[in-house]
Amino acid sequence: MSRVGSVYLSQTDPDPFRVVDDLLSSPYLTIGFRLVLFFFVVLWLALAYWTFADAGRRGTVRFFWGVVALVFPFVGTLIYVIVRPPEYALDSRERELELAVLEKELRQRVNLCPRCRSVVEKDYLLCPECGWDLKMPCKSCGKPLDLNWRTCPYCATVQSEKNINW
């Protein structure tokens, strides 16, 4: 044996890279590489499926994003995650419906002057901001009546034409 640096070389072994060649041709290393490759293929297909399913839940074109994730492994899913809508389509629809219900309830609770849109109480006879006639008093009981009512619902008094302010 001769010594080169700190490594002893065998006089009988003419190829010093045989150890590296044996390691690279090892069946354990081949199986390890195949397992890693299999893991990346499974991960790629799982990400493509997740992209396809998530795009459908978020209301985007799921076939397009599924193909992008398949054609561009890992990068396609990353691009989708960056540009996807921030919420699911069902959540967005539910939020819109909740807002519509709240707006309807608010409109029912709050009376607005038809002329200046300021908030008025339901028993105001005229708008305090613009002076617009909102209701008329009943000629018998004095309760506020809608301008279109001909009869008072509180005392059943028929309102005369002179009392109606149009």
N, C-alpha and C. Protein backbone atom coordinates (compact mmCIF):
# COMPACT_ATOMS: atom_id res chain seq x y z
N MET A 1 0.84 -1.17 0.00
CA MET A 1 0.00 0.00 0.00
C MET A 1 0.88 1.23 0.00
N SER A 2 0.42 2.20 -0.75
CA SER A 2 1.13 3.48 -0.76
C SER A 2 0.20 4.54 -0.20
N ARG A 3 0.82 5.56 0.36
CA ARG A 3 0.04 6.62 0.99
C ARG A 3 0.05 7.86 0.13
N VAL A 4 -1.21 8.36 -0.20
CA VAL A 4 -1.36 9.60 -0.93
C VAL A 4 -2.15 10.52 -0.01
N GLY A 5 -1.52 11.56 0.52
CA GLY A 5 -2.19 12.42 1.49
C GLY A 5 -2.47 11.61 2.73
N SER A 6 -3.72 11.59 3.15
CA SER A 6 -4.09 10.82 4.32
C SER A 6 -4.85 9.55 3.93
N VAL A 7 -4.92 9.22 2.64
CA VAL A 7 -5.65 8.06 2.16
C VAL A 7 -4.65 7.01 1.69
N TYR A 8 -4.89 5.79 2.12
CA TYR A 8 -4.06 4.67 1.68
C TYR A 8 -4.68 4.06 0.45
N LEU A 9 -3.90 3.90 -0.58
CA LEU A 9 -4.38 3.26 -1.80
C LEU A 9 -3.78 1.86 -1.88
N SER A 10 -4.64 0.99 -2.29
CA SER A 10 -4.19 -0.39 -2.43
C SER A 10 -3.42 -0.51 -3.74
N GLN A 11 -2.31 -1.22 -3.68
CA GLN A 11 -1.50 -1.42 -4.87
C GLN A 11 -2.22 -2.34 -5.85
N THR A 12 -3.11 -3.15 -5.34
CA THR A 12 -3.78 -4.11 -6.20
C THR A 12 -5.00 -3.49 -6.88
N ASP A 13 -5.53 -2.38 -6.36
CA ASP A 13 -6.73 -1.74 -6.92
C ASP A 13 -6.29 -0.59 -7.83
N PRO A 14 -6.37 -0.78 -9.14
CA PRO A 14 -5.90 0.27 -10.05
C PRO A 14 -6.88 1.44 -10.15
N ASP A 15 -8.19 1.25 -9.79
CA ASP A 15 -9.20 2.31 -9.93
C ASP A 15 -9.53 2.91 -8.55
N PRO A 16 -9.08 4.14 -8.28
CA PRO A 16 -9.36 4.73 -6.95
C PRO A 16 -10.82 5.15 -6.79
N PHE A 17 -11.59 5.24 -7.86
CA PHE A 17 -13.00 5.67 -7.77
C PHE A 17 -13.97 4.49 -7.72
N ARG A 18 -13.44 3.32 -7.52
CA ARG A 18 -14.28 2.13 -7.47
C ARG A 18 -15.24 2.19 -6.28
N VAL A 19 -14.81 2.73 -5.18
CA VAL A 19 -15.67 2.83 -3.99
C VAL A 19 -16.88 3.72 -4.30
N VAL A 20 -16.63 4.84 -4.99
CA VAL A 20 -17.73 5.75 -5.35
C VAL A 20 -18.64 5.07 -6.36
N ASP A 21 -18.07 4.37 -7.30
CA ASP A 21 -18.87 3.66 -8.30
C ASP A 21 -19.71 2.57 -7.65
N ASP A 22 -19.13 1.86 -6.69
CA ASP A 22 -19.89 0.83 -5.98
C ASP A 22 -21.03 1.45 -5.18
N LEU A 23 -20.78 2.59 -4.58
CA LEU A 23 -21.82 3.26 -3.79
C LEU A 23 -22.96 3.72 -4.68
N LEU A 24 -22.64 4.30 -5.84
CA LEU A 24 -23.67 4.79 -6.75
C LEU A 24 -24.46 3.67 -7.40
N SER A 25 -23.86 2.52 -7.57
CA SER A 25 -24.58 1.39 -8.17
C SER A 25 -25.21 0.49 -7.12
N SER A 26 -25.20 0.92 -5.90
CA SER A 26 -25.78 0.15 -4.80
C SER A 26 -27.29 0.02 -4.97
N PRO A 27 -27.84 -1.15 -4.72
CA PRO A 27 -29.30 -1.31 -4.83
C PRO A 27 -30.05 -0.49 -3.78
N TYR A 28 -29.45 -0.24 -2.62
CA TYR A 28 -30.10 0.57 -1.58
C TYR A 28 -30.27 2.02 -2.04
N LEU A 29 -29.24 2.53 -2.69
CA LEU A 29 -29.32 3.90 -3.19
C LEU A 29 -30.33 4.00 -4.32
N THR A 30 -30.38 3.00 -5.18
CA THR A 30 -31.36 2.99 -6.27
C THR A 30 -32.77 2.95 -5.71
N ILE A 31 -33.02 2.13 -4.73
CA ILE A 31 -34.35 2.05 -4.09
C ILE A 31 -34.68 3.38 -3.40
N GLY A 32 -33.70 3.98 -2.75
CA GLY A 32 -33.91 5.27 -2.09
C GLY A 32 -34.29 6.36 -3.09
N PHE A 33 -33.57 6.43 -4.21
CA PHE A 33 -33.90 7.42 -5.25
C PHE A 33 -35.29 7.18 -5.81
N ARG A 34 -35.65 5.93 -6.03
CA ARG A 34 -36.98 5.61 -6.55
C ARG A 34 -38.07 5.99 -5.55
N LEU A 35 -37.82 5.77 -4.27
CA LEU A 35 -38.80 6.16 -3.24
C LEU A 35 -38.97 7.68 -3.19
N VAL A 36 -37.88 8.39 -3.28
CA VAL A 36 -37.96 9.86 -3.28
C VAL A 36 -38.70 10.34 -4.53
N LEU A 37 -38.40 9.75 -5.67
CA LEU A 37 -39.09 10.10 -6.91
C LEU A 37 -40.58 9.79 -6.80
N PHE A 38 -40.92 8.62 -6.26
CA PHE A 38 -42.32 8.25 -6.05
C PHE A 38 -43.02 9.25 -5.12
N PHE A 39 -42.33 9.65 -4.04
CA PHE A 39 -42.89 10.63 -3.11
C PHE A 39 -43.19 11.95 -3.82
N PHE A 40 -42.27 12.43 -4.67
CA PHE A 40 -42.50 13.69 -5.38
C PHE A 40 -43.63 13.57 -6.40
N VAL A 41 -43.77 12.43 -7.06
CA VAL A 41 -44.87 12.23 -8.01
C VAL A 41 -46.21 12.22 -7.27
N VAL A 42 -46.27 11.52 -6.14
CA VAL A 42 -47.50 11.49 -5.35
C VAL A 42 -47.83 12.89 -4.83
N LEU A 43 -46.83 13.62 -4.35
CA LEU A 43 -47.04 14.98 -3.88
C LEU A 43 -47.53 15.88 -5.01
N TRP A 44 -46.95 15.74 -6.19
CA TRP A 44 -47.36 16.53 -7.36
C TRP A 44 -48.82 16.26 -7.72
N LEU A 45 -49.21 14.98 -7.78
CA LEU A 45 -50.59 14.64 -8.11
C LEU A 45 -51.56 15.08 -7.01
N ALA A 46 -51.14 14.98 -5.75
CA ALA A 46 -52.00 15.43 -4.65
C ALA A 46 -52.19 16.94 -4.70
N LEU A 47 -51.14 17.68 -5.01
CA LEU A 47 -51.27 19.13 -5.14
C LEU A 47 -52.15 19.51 -6.33
N ALA A 48 -52.04 18.76 -7.42
CA ALA A 48 -52.90 19.04 -8.58
C ALA A 48 -54.37 18.78 -8.22
N TYR A 49 -54.64 17.68 -7.51
CA TYR A 49 -56.02 17.40 -7.09
C TYR A 49 -56.51 18.47 -6.12
N TRP A 50 -55.67 18.85 -5.15
CA TRP A 50 -56.08 19.87 -4.19
C TRP A 50 -56.38 21.19 -4.90
N THR A 51 -55.56 21.56 -5.88
CA THR A 51 -55.79 22.78 -6.65
C THR A 51 -57.11 22.71 -7.39
N PHE A 52 -57.38 21.58 -8.01
CA PHE A 52 -58.64 21.37 -8.74
C PHE A 52 -59.84 21.50 -7.79
N ALA A 53 -59.78 20.84 -6.64
CA ALA A 53 -60.89 20.85 -5.68
C ALA A 53 -61.06 22.23 -5.05
N ASP A 54 -59.97 22.87 -4.67
CA ASP A 54 -60.06 24.18 -4.02
C ASP A 54 -60.56 25.24 -4.99
N ALA A 55 -60.16 25.16 -6.23
CA ALA A 55 -60.63 26.12 -7.23
C ALA A 55 -62.14 26.00 -7.41
N GLY A 56 -62.67 24.78 -7.36
CA GLY A 56 -64.11 24.59 -7.46
C GLY A 56 -64.84 25.17 -6.27
N ARG A 57 -64.29 25.02 -5.07
CA ARG A 57 -64.93 25.57 -3.86
C ARG A 57 -64.88 27.09 -3.84
N ARG A 58 -63.89 27.67 -4.47
CA ARG A 58 -63.75 29.12 -4.44
C ARG A 58 -64.42 29.79 -5.64
N GLY A 59 -65.05 29.03 -6.50
CA GLY A 59 -65.82 29.61 -7.59
C GLY A 59 -64.99 30.03 -8.79
N THR A 60 -63.80 29.49 -8.94
CA THR A 60 -62.99 29.80 -10.12
C THR A 60 -63.09 28.63 -11.11
N VAL A 61 -62.42 28.74 -12.24
CA VAL A 61 -62.46 27.69 -13.26
C VAL A 61 -61.53 26.56 -12.81
N ARG A 62 -62.13 25.52 -12.26
CA ARG A 62 -61.31 24.48 -11.64
C ARG A 62 -60.56 23.63 -12.66
N PHE A 63 -61.13 23.41 -13.84
CA PHE A 63 -60.41 22.62 -14.85
C PHE A 63 -59.15 23.33 -15.31
N PHE A 64 -59.24 24.64 -15.47
CA PHE A 64 -58.06 25.43 -15.87
C PHE A 64 -56.96 25.30 -14.84
N TRP A 65 -57.30 25.52 -13.57
CA TRP A 65 -56.28 25.47 -12.52
C TRP A 65 -55.77 24.06 -12.30
N GLY A 66 -56.62 23.05 -12.50
CA GLY A 66 -56.15 21.67 -12.41
C GLY A 66 -55.13 21.34 -13.48
N VAL A 67 -55.38 21.79 -14.70
CA VAL A 67 -54.44 21.57 -15.80
C VAL A 67 -53.14 22.34 -15.55
N VAL A 68 -53.25 23.57 -15.07
CA VAL A 68 -52.04 24.35 -14.76
C VAL A 68 -51.20 23.63 -13.72
N ALA A 69 -51.85 23.06 -12.69
CA ALA A 69 -51.11 22.34 -11.65
C ALA A 69 -50.50 21.05 -12.18
N LEU A 70 -51.13 20.43 -13.17
CA LEU A 70 -50.55 19.21 -13.75
C LEU A 70 -49.40 19.52 -14.71
N VAL A 71 -49.57 20.55 -15.53
CA VAL A 71 -48.55 20.88 -16.53
C VAL A 71 -47.31 21.49 -15.89
N PHE A 72 -47.51 22.33 -14.88
CA PHE A 72 -46.39 22.97 -14.19
C PHE A 72 -46.33 22.45 -12.76
N PRO A 73 -45.65 21.32 -12.54
CA PRO A 73 -45.62 20.72 -11.20
C PRO A 73 -45.11 21.70 -10.15
N PHE A 74 -45.79 21.75 -9.03
CA PHE A 74 -45.47 22.56 -7.86
C PHE A 74 -45.60 24.06 -8.13
N VAL A 75 -45.13 24.55 -9.25
CA VAL A 75 -45.20 25.97 -9.58
C VAL A 75 -46.64 26.37 -9.90
N GLY A 76 -47.38 25.50 -10.59
CA GLY A 76 -48.78 25.79 -10.92
C GLY A 76 -49.62 25.96 -9.67
N THR A 77 -49.42 25.09 -8.69
CA THR A 77 -50.16 25.21 -7.43
C THR A 77 -49.73 26.47 -6.68
N LEU A 78 -48.46 26.79 -6.71
CA LEU A 78 -47.99 28.01 -6.05
C LEU A 78 -48.61 29.25 -6.68
N ILE A 79 -48.69 29.29 -8.00
CA ILE A 79 -49.32 30.42 -8.68
C ILE A 79 -50.79 30.51 -8.30
N TYR A 80 -51.48 29.35 -8.27
CA TYR A 80 -52.89 29.34 -7.87
C TYR A 80 -53.08 29.88 -6.45
N VAL A 81 -52.22 29.47 -5.53
CA VAL A 81 -52.34 29.93 -4.14
C VAL A 81 -52.17 31.44 -4.07
N ILE A 82 -51.35 32.01 -4.92
CA ILE A 82 -51.13 33.46 -4.92
C ILE A 82 -52.34 34.21 -5.48
N VAL A 83 -52.94 33.70 -6.55
CA VAL A 83 -53.99 34.47 -7.24
C VAL A 83 -55.42 34.01 -6.91
N ARG A 84 -55.59 33.00 -6.07
CA ARG A 84 -56.94 32.49 -5.80
C ARG A 84 -57.77 33.50 -5.02
N PRO A 85 -59.11 33.39 -5.12
CA PRO A 85 -59.98 34.27 -4.33
C PRO A 85 -59.77 34.03 -2.84
N PRO A 86 -59.92 35.07 -2.02
CA PRO A 86 -59.60 34.93 -0.60
C PRO A 86 -60.61 34.10 0.20
N GLU A 87 -61.81 33.88 -0.33
CA GLU A 87 -62.79 33.12 0.44
C GLU A 87 -63.55 32.17 -0.48
N TYR A 88 -64.16 31.17 0.16
CA TYR A 88 -64.96 30.21 -0.60
C TYR A 88 -66.20 30.89 -1.16
N ALA A 89 -66.71 30.34 -2.26
CA ALA A 89 -67.89 30.91 -2.90
C ALA A 89 -69.10 30.83 -1.98
N LEU A 90 -69.26 29.74 -1.24
CA LEU A 90 -70.40 29.62 -0.31
C LEU A 90 -70.30 30.63 0.82
N ASP A 91 -69.10 30.86 1.33
CA ASP A 91 -68.93 31.86 2.38
C ASP A 91 -69.26 33.25 1.87
N SER A 92 -68.84 33.55 0.66
CA SER A 92 -69.13 34.85 0.06
C SER A 92 -70.63 35.03 -0.12
N ARG A 93 -71.29 34.00 -0.63
CA ARG A 93 -72.75 34.06 -0.84
C ARG A 93 -73.48 34.21 0.50
N GLU A 94 -73.03 33.49 1.52
CA GLU A 94 -73.65 33.59 2.84
C GLU A 94 -73.48 35.00 3.41
N ARG A 95 -72.31 35.57 3.24
CA ARG A 95 -72.07 36.93 3.73
C ARG A 95 -72.96 37.94 3.01
N GLU A 96 -73.12 37.77 1.69
CA GLU A 96 -73.99 38.68 0.92
C GLU A 96 -75.44 38.56 1.38
N LEU A 97 -75.89 37.34 1.65
CA LEU A 97 -77.26 37.15 2.13
C LEU A 97 -77.46 37.76 3.52
N GLU A 98 -76.46 37.59 4.40
CA GLU A 98 -76.55 38.20 5.72
C GLU A 98 -76.62 39.72 5.62
N LEU A 99 -75.82 40.30 4.75
CA LEU A 99 -75.86 41.75 4.56
C LEU A 99 -77.21 42.20 4.02
N ALA A 100 -77.78 41.43 3.09
CA ALA A 100 -79.09 41.79 2.54
C ALA A 100 -80.17 41.73 3.62
N VAL A 101 -80.11 40.72 4.47
CA VAL A 101 -81.09 40.61 5.56
C VAL A 101 -80.92 41.76 6.54
N LEU A 102 -79.68 42.10 6.89
CA LEU A 102 -79.44 43.21 7.82
C LEU A 102 -79.90 44.54 7.22
N GLU A 103 -79.65 44.74 5.93
CA GLU A 103 -80.11 45.98 5.29
C GLU A 103 -81.62 46.07 5.28
N LYS A 104 -82.29 44.94 5.04
CA LYS A 104 -83.75 44.94 5.03
C LYS A 104 -84.28 45.25 6.43
N GLU A 105 -83.69 44.64 7.46
CA GLU A 105 -84.12 44.92 8.84
C GLU A 105 -83.87 46.37 9.19
N LEU A 106 -82.75 46.91 8.75
CA LEU A 106 -82.44 48.31 9.04
C LEU A 106 -83.44 49.23 8.35
N ARG A 107 -83.81 48.92 7.12
CA ARG A 107 -84.80 49.74 6.42
C ARG A 107 -86.16 49.68 7.10
N GLN A 108 -86.50 48.54 7.69
CA GLN A 108 -87.78 48.42 8.37
C GLN A 108 -87.79 49.18 9.69
N ARG A 109 -86.65 49.25 10.35
CA ARG A 109 -86.57 49.92 11.65
C ARG A 109 -86.39 51.42 11.52
N VAL A 110 -85.72 51.86 10.50
CA VAL A 110 -85.40 53.27 10.35
C VAL A 110 -86.29 53.86 9.27
N ASN A 111 -86.98 54.94 9.63
CA ASN A 111 -87.80 55.65 8.65
C ASN A 111 -86.98 56.81 8.10
N LEU A 112 -87.04 56.98 6.79
CA LEU A 112 -86.31 58.07 6.14
C LEU A 112 -87.30 58.99 5.44
N CYS A 113 -86.97 60.26 5.46
CA CYS A 113 -87.78 61.24 4.73
C CYS A 113 -87.62 60.95 3.23
N PRO A 114 -88.73 60.85 2.48
CA PRO A 114 -88.59 60.56 1.05
C PRO A 114 -87.96 61.69 0.25
N ARG A 115 -87.93 62.88 0.82
CA ARG A 115 -87.37 64.02 0.10
C ARG A 115 -85.89 64.21 0.37
N CYS A 116 -85.50 64.31 1.66
CA CYS A 116 -84.09 64.61 1.99
C CYS A 116 -83.34 63.41 2.55
N ARG A 117 -83.98 62.26 2.74
CA ARG A 117 -83.39 61.02 3.22
C ARG A 117 -82.83 61.12 4.63
N SER A 118 -83.28 62.09 5.43
CA SER A 118 -82.84 62.16 6.82
C SER A 118 -83.70 61.22 7.67
N VAL A 119 -83.18 60.79 8.80
CA VAL A 119 -83.87 59.85 9.67
C VAL A 119 -84.99 60.58 10.41
N VAL A 120 -86.18 59.99 10.37
CA VAL A 120 -87.35 60.56 11.07
C VAL A 120 -88.01 59.45 11.88
N GLU A 121 -88.71 59.84 12.93
CA GLU A 121 -89.45 58.87 13.73
C GLU A 121 -90.72 58.47 12.99
N LYS A 122 -91.28 57.33 13.35
CA LYS A 122 -92.45 56.84 12.63
C LYS A 122 -93.71 57.65 12.90
N ASP A 123 -93.73 58.40 13.99
CA ASP A 123 -94.94 59.19 14.29
C ASP A 123 -94.77 60.68 13.98
N TYR A 124 -93.70 61.07 13.30
CA TYR A 124 -93.53 62.46 12.90
C TYR A 124 -94.56 62.81 11.82
N LEU A 125 -95.10 63.98 11.91
CA LEU A 125 -96.04 64.44 10.90
C LEU A 125 -95.31 65.09 9.73
N LEU A 126 -94.19 65.75 10.01
CA LEU A 126 -93.38 66.33 8.94
C LEU A 126 -91.91 66.20 9.28
N CYS A 127 -91.09 66.28 8.26
CA CYS A 127 -89.65 66.12 8.43
C CYS A 127 -89.08 67.36 9.11
N PRO A 128 -88.32 67.19 10.18
CA PRO A 128 -87.73 68.35 10.86
C PRO A 128 -86.63 69.03 10.05
N GLU A 129 -86.06 68.34 9.05
CA GLU A 129 -84.98 68.90 8.24
C GLU A 129 -85.50 69.75 7.09
N CYS A 130 -86.46 69.20 6.35
CA CYS A 130 -86.89 69.89 5.13
C CYS A 130 -88.35 70.35 5.18
N GLY A 131 -89.10 69.92 6.20
CA GLY A 131 -90.49 70.34 6.33
C GLY A 131 -91.46 69.56 5.45
N TRP A 132 -91.04 68.48 4.87
CA TRP A 132 -91.90 67.66 4.00
C TRP A 132 -92.98 66.99 4.83
N ASP A 133 -94.22 66.97 4.31
CA ASP A 133 -95.32 66.30 5.00
C ASP A 133 -95.12 64.79 4.92
N LEU A 134 -95.00 64.17 6.09
CA LEU A 134 -94.81 62.73 6.16
C LEU A 134 -96.13 62.01 6.46
N LYS A 135 -96.88 62.56 7.38
CA LYS A 135 -98.17 61.99 7.78
C LYS A 135 -99.11 63.13 8.09
N MET A 136 -100.37 62.78 8.29
CA MET A 136 -101.36 63.78 8.67
C MET A 136 -102.01 63.34 9.98
N PRO A 137 -102.45 64.29 10.81
CA PRO A 137 -103.12 63.90 12.05
C PRO A 137 -104.59 63.53 11.76
N CYS A 138 -105.08 62.55 12.49
CA CYS A 138 -106.50 62.18 12.38
C CYS A 138 -107.32 63.35 12.92
N LYS A 139 -108.41 63.69 12.24
CA LYS A 139 -109.22 64.83 12.67
C LYS A 139 -109.98 64.53 13.95
N SER A 140 -110.08 63.24 14.33
CA SER A 140 -110.81 62.89 15.54
C SER A 140 -109.86 62.61 16.71
N CYS A 141 -108.92 61.67 16.54
CA CYS A 141 -108.06 61.27 17.67
C CYS A 141 -106.68 61.90 17.62
N GLY A 142 -106.27 62.46 16.50
CA GLY A 142 -104.99 63.15 16.39
C GLY A 142 -103.80 62.25 16.15
N LYS A 143 -104.00 60.95 16.02
CA LYS A 143 -102.86 60.05 15.79
C LYS A 143 -102.36 60.23 14.36
N PRO A 144 -101.06 60.01 14.14
CA PRO A 144 -100.51 60.20 12.79
C PRO A 144 -101.01 59.13 11.83
N LEU A 145 -101.46 59.58 10.66
CA LEU A 145 -101.98 58.68 9.63
C LEU A 145 -101.14 58.84 8.37
N ASP A 146 -101.04 57.76 7.62
CA ASP A 146 -100.38 57.81 6.33
C ASP A 146 -101.16 58.77 5.43
N LEU A 147 -100.49 59.45 4.55
CA LEU A 147 -101.14 60.45 3.70
C LEU A 147 -102.18 59.83 2.77
N ASN A 148 -102.08 58.55 2.46
CA ASN A 148 -103.01 57.89 1.54
C ASN A 148 -104.22 57.28 2.23
N TRP A 149 -104.23 57.23 3.55
CA TRP A 149 -105.33 56.59 4.26
C TRP A 149 -106.56 57.49 4.26
N ARG A 150 -107.69 56.90 3.99
CA ARG A 150 -108.97 57.64 4.00
C ARG A 150 -109.69 57.46 5.34
N THR A 151 -109.34 56.40 6.08
CA THR A 151 -110.00 56.12 7.36
C THR A 151 -108.92 55.89 8.41
N CYS A 152 -109.15 56.40 9.59
CA CYS A 152 -108.21 56.23 10.70
C CYS A 152 -108.35 54.81 11.24
N PRO A 153 -107.24 54.04 11.30
CA PRO A 153 -107.32 52.66 11.81
C PRO A 153 -107.45 52.62 13.35
N TYR A 154 -107.22 53.74 14.03
CA TYR A 154 -107.29 53.78 15.49
C TYR A 154 -108.71 54.06 15.99
N CYS A 155 -109.41 55.00 15.32
CA CYS A 155 -110.75 55.37 15.79
C CYS A 155 -111.84 55.18 14.73
N ALA A 156 -111.48 54.69 13.57
CA ALA A 156 -112.40 54.40 12.46
C ALA A 156 -113.13 55.63 11.95
N THR A 157 -112.52 56.80 12.07
CA THR A 157 -113.11 58.03 11.56
C THR A 157 -112.70 58.20 10.10
N VAL A 158 -113.69 58.47 9.25
CA VAL A 158 -113.42 58.73 7.84
C VAL A 158 -112.84 60.14 7.75
N GLN A 159 -111.71 60.25 7.05
CA GLN A 159 -111.05 61.53 6.91
C GLN A 159 -111.65 62.28 5.72
N SER A 160 -111.86 63.56 5.90
CA SER A 160 -112.42 64.33 4.81
C SER A 160 -111.33 64.69 3.79
N GLU A 161 -111.77 65.02 2.59
CA GLU A 161 -110.82 65.38 1.54
C GLU A 161 -110.05 66.63 1.90
N LYS A 162 -110.65 67.52 2.70
CA LYS A 162 -109.96 68.77 3.06
C LYS A 162 -108.77 68.50 3.98
N ASN A 163 -108.86 67.44 4.76
CA ASN A 163 -107.83 67.14 5.74
C ASN A 163 -106.63 66.43 5.10
N ILE A 164 -106.78 65.90 3.90
CA ILE A 164 -105.69 65.17 3.25
C ILE A 164 -104.80 66.17 2.55
N ASN A 165 -103.53 66.17 2.91
CA ASN A 165 -102.54 67.10 2.34
C ASN A 165 -101.75 66.39 1.26
N TRP A 166 -102.06 66.70 0.01
CA TRP A 166 -101.28 66.12 -1.07
C TRP A 166 -100.36 67.12 -1.60
